[in-house]
Amino acid sequence: MTRPALLTTAVILGLLAAGCEAPPPATNLPDGPFLVVLGIAQDAGYPQAGCQKACCAEVWDHPQQRRAPACLAIVDP
């Protein structure tokens, strides 16, 4: 293996090792089930960002027709 390849491999392995530490302990979590909002109107919804088709153009002109989904997590510890 050449010296640049060894150096590149060492750097990559070092970065991977640095990112492998344990996450900090969770604090203030409720004892019972709870809801977490993971995201809204992302990678879905209507109209799609940048869409110029007739189906989306109508919605761009009439904001009350827009639909924005939400991604939720129900956690039952």
Protein backbone atom coordinates (compact mmCIF):
# COMPACT_ATOMS: atom_id res chain seq x y z
CA MET A 1 0.00 0.00 0.00
CA THR A 2 1.35 3.46 -0.84
CA ARG A 3 2.05 6.10 1.77
CA PRO A 4 -0.90 8.38 0.71
CA ALA A 5 -3.25 5.38 0.86
CA LEU A 6 -2.00 4.47 4.35
CA LEU A 7 -2.39 8.06 5.51
CA THR A 8 -5.91 8.26 4.10
CA THR A 9 -6.85 4.98 5.76
CA ALA A 10 -5.41 6.13 9.10
CA VAL A 11 -7.33 9.42 8.94
CA ILE A 12 -10.61 7.67 8.09
CA LEU A 13 -10.17 5.11 10.87
CA GLY A 14 -9.30 7.88 13.32
CA LEU A 15 -12.43 9.83 12.44
CA LEU A 16 -14.57 6.71 12.77
CA ALA A 17 -13.07 5.91 16.16
CA ALA A 18 -13.62 9.48 17.37
CA GLY A 19 -17.31 9.28 16.46
CA CYS A 20 -17.88 6.00 18.32
CA GLU A 21 -18.25 7.33 21.83
CA ALA A 22 -21.32 6.55 23.90
CA PRO A 23 -24.13 9.11 23.72
CA PRO A 24 -24.77 11.18 26.84
CA PRO A 25 -27.37 9.70 29.20
CA ALA A 26 -30.92 10.86 28.62
CA THR A 27 -32.29 13.10 31.33
CA ASN A 28 -35.74 14.35 32.21
CA LEU A 29 -37.56 11.63 30.28
CA PRO A 30 -41.11 10.93 31.42
CA ASP A 31 -41.91 7.58 33.01
CA GLY A 32 -44.94 7.01 30.79
CA PRO A 33 -45.57 7.11 27.04
CA PHE A 34 -44.78 10.34 25.22
CA LEU A 35 -44.79 11.81 21.72
CA VAL A 36 -41.81 13.24 19.82
CA VAL A 37 -42.20 15.32 16.66
CA LEU A 38 -39.46 14.07 14.31
CA GLY A 39 -40.21 16.44 11.45
CA ILE A 40 -42.88 18.23 9.47
CA ALA A 41 -43.39 18.93 5.77
CA GLN A 42 -40.11 17.29 4.89
CA ASP A 43 -39.65 15.07 1.82
CA ALA A 44 -43.38 14.86 1.41
CA GLY A 45 -46.39 17.09 1.54
CA TYR A 46 -48.13 18.84 -1.26
CA PRO A 47 -47.01 20.68 -3.32
CA GLN A 48 -43.51 19.27 -3.61
CA ALA A 49 -40.70 21.83 -3.56
CA GLY A 50 -39.82 22.93 -7.07
CA CYS A 51 -42.72 21.08 -8.72
CA GLN A 52 -44.05 22.95 -11.76
CA LYS A 53 -46.62 20.36 -12.88
CA ALA A 54 -50.25 21.42 -13.23
CA CYS A 55 -51.24 19.42 -10.14
CA CYS A 56 -48.83 21.41 -7.97
CA ALA A 57 -49.21 24.78 -9.72
CA GLU A 58 -52.82 25.03 -8.57
CA VAL A 59 -51.79 24.45 -4.97
CA TRP A 60 -48.99 27.05 -5.16
CA ASP A 61 -51.66 29.59 -6.16
CA HIS A 62 -54.07 28.54 -3.37
CA PRO A 63 -52.15 28.00 -0.11
CA GLN A 64 -55.25 26.77 1.73
CA GLN A 65 -55.00 23.54 -0.34
CA ARG A 66 -51.48 22.73 0.88
CA ARG A 67 -50.91 19.57 2.89
CA ALA A 68 -47.95 19.17 5.24
CA PRO A 69 -47.44 15.74 6.81
CA ALA A 70 -45.81 15.19 10.16
CA CYS A 71 -43.54 12.38 11.30
CA LEU A 72 -44.18 11.41 14.91
CA ALA A 73 -42.64 8.92 17.29
CA ILE A 74 -44.73 7.41 20.07
CA VAL A 75 -42.31 6.29 22.78
CA ASP A 76 -43.44 3.79 25.41
CA PRO A 77 -40.43 3.35 27.72
